[in-house]
Amino acid sequence: VLNRPVRVQVGTGEAPAAQACTEIAVGCDAWVTRAGGLTLRMRSAPTIQPDNIIARLPIGTQMRVEEGPQSADGFTWWRVITTGGNEGWVAGENLVLQPD
């Protein structure tokens, strides 16, 4: 067994600073907001087809915007990944940059 030096890089232990977002955009965090306490439908594609609902996200669900925007069916769609690992498309009209 050879004893070789190991290079170790020590960081500050802090997470990288989040991107300062002023609008919903790729790379930004977003949260579900919705009047009346309704859930936000996450879909498998950026359309309002009733058979493509894959999850219902409650108010306050945090997500990371991965792709978009795409306009379809009167909405602006974003592909997102929630902190819980759900991935799909949501209508951006129901997203905010800070939790309610």
Protein backbone atom coordinates (compact mmCIF):
# COMPACT_ATOMS: atom_id res chain seq x y z
CA VAL A 1 0.00 0.00 0.00
CA LEU A 2 1.39 3.33 -1.07
CA ASN A 3 0.85 6.39 1.05
CA ARG A 4 0.03 9.22 -1.28
CA PRO A 5 -0.94 12.72 -0.26
CA VAL A 6 -4.61 13.53 -0.64
CA ARG A 7 -5.66 17.00 -1.71
CA VAL A 8 -8.57 18.35 0.33
CA GLN A 9 -10.33 21.63 -0.35
CA VAL A 10 -11.95 23.27 2.65
CA GLY A 11 -14.88 25.58 2.05
CA THR A 12 -16.74 27.98 4.27
CA GLY A 13 -19.57 25.52 4.88
CA GLU A 14 -22.10 27.96 3.44
CA ALA A 15 -24.37 27.14 0.53
CA PRO A 16 -23.82 29.15 -2.64
CA ALA A 17 -25.87 32.33 -2.79
CA ALA A 18 -29.19 31.96 -4.58
CA GLN A 19 -29.65 33.82 -7.83
CA ALA A 20 -31.28 37.20 -7.22
CA CYS A 21 -34.46 36.89 -9.28
CA THR A 22 -36.80 39.76 -10.03
CA GLU A 23 -39.14 37.68 -12.20
CA ILE A 24 -39.86 33.99 -12.84
CA ALA A 25 -36.98 32.68 -14.96
CA VAL A 26 -34.85 29.57 -15.51
CA GLY A 27 -32.58 29.03 -12.50
CA CYS A 28 -34.88 30.83 -10.05
CA ASP A 29 -36.73 29.41 -7.07
CA ALA A 30 -40.49 29.90 -7.06
CA TRP A 31 -43.39 29.08 -4.76
CA VAL A 32 -47.01 28.14 -5.42
CA THR A 33 -49.52 30.89 -4.69
CA ARG A 34 -53.18 30.53 -5.46
CA ALA A 35 -56.30 32.44 -4.45
CA GLY A 36 -58.85 30.46 -2.48
CA GLY A 37 -56.45 27.79 -1.25
CA LEU A 38 -56.57 25.63 -4.38
CA THR A 39 -53.72 23.36 -5.42
CA LEU A 40 -51.65 23.97 -8.55
CA ARG A 41 -51.79 21.20 -11.13
CA MET A 42 -48.41 19.91 -12.27
CA ARG A 43 -48.60 18.43 -15.75
CA SER A 44 -46.51 16.11 -17.91
CA ALA A 45 -46.62 18.62 -20.79
CA PRO A 46 -47.29 22.36 -21.09
CA THR A 47 -51.00 22.02 -21.99
CA ILE A 48 -54.31 21.89 -20.11
CA GLN A 49 -55.24 18.38 -21.30
CA PRO A 50 -57.11 16.71 -18.41
CA ASP A 51 -55.16 13.44 -18.73
CA ASN A 52 -51.70 15.00 -18.21
CA ILE A 53 -52.03 16.00 -14.50
CA ILE A 54 -49.22 14.26 -12.59
CA ALA A 55 -49.40 16.05 -9.21
CA ARG A 56 -51.31 18.70 -7.27
CA LEU A 57 -49.05 21.15 -5.46
CA PRO A 58 -50.33 22.94 -2.34
CA ILE A 59 -49.76 26.61 -1.62
CA GLY A 60 -46.21 27.15 -0.39
CA THR A 61 -44.63 24.36 -2.45
CA GLN A 62 -41.10 25.42 -3.36
CA MET A 63 -39.62 24.60 -6.76
CA ARG A 64 -36.70 25.37 -9.04
CA VAL A 65 -37.47 26.62 -12.57
CA GLU A 66 -35.66 24.44 -15.11
CA GLU A 67 -37.12 25.40 -18.51
CA GLY A 68 -39.49 27.83 -20.18
CA PRO A 69 -41.38 29.90 -20.73
CA GLN A 70 -43.70 28.25 -23.23
CA SER A 71 -47.07 29.76 -24.13
CA ALA A 72 -50.01 27.41 -24.68
CA ASP A 73 -53.73 27.30 -23.88
CA GLY A 74 -53.67 30.87 -22.57
CA PHE A 75 -50.97 30.20 -19.95
CA THR A 76 -47.22 30.71 -19.60
CA TRP A 77 -45.72 27.31 -18.73
CA TRP A 78 -42.51 26.50 -16.84
CA ARG A 79 -40.86 23.11 -16.32
CA VAL A 80 -39.98 22.85 -12.64
CA ILE A 81 -38.62 20.46 -10.03
CA THR A 82 -40.08 20.71 -6.52
CA THR A 83 -37.94 20.37 -3.42
CA GLY A 84 -39.76 17.03 -2.97
CA GLY A 85 -38.52 15.80 -6.37
CA ASN A 86 -41.66 16.14 -8.49
CA GLU A 87 -40.86 17.27 -12.02
CA GLY A 88 -43.29 18.66 -14.57
CA TRP A 89 -44.91 21.75 -16.09
CA VAL A 90 -46.89 24.40 -14.18
CA ALA A 91 -48.66 27.61 -15.15
CA GLY A 92 -46.44 30.55 -14.20
CA GLU A 93 -49.40 32.74 -13.36
CA ASN A 94 -49.63 30.78 -10.09
CA LEU A 95 -45.99 31.23 -9.03
CA VAL A 96 -44.30 33.87 -6.90
CA LEU A 97 -40.65 34.59 -6.06
CA GLN A 98 -41.20 34.50 -2.28
CA PRO A 99 -43.42 32.19 -0.22
CA ASP A 100 -46.83 33.57 0.81
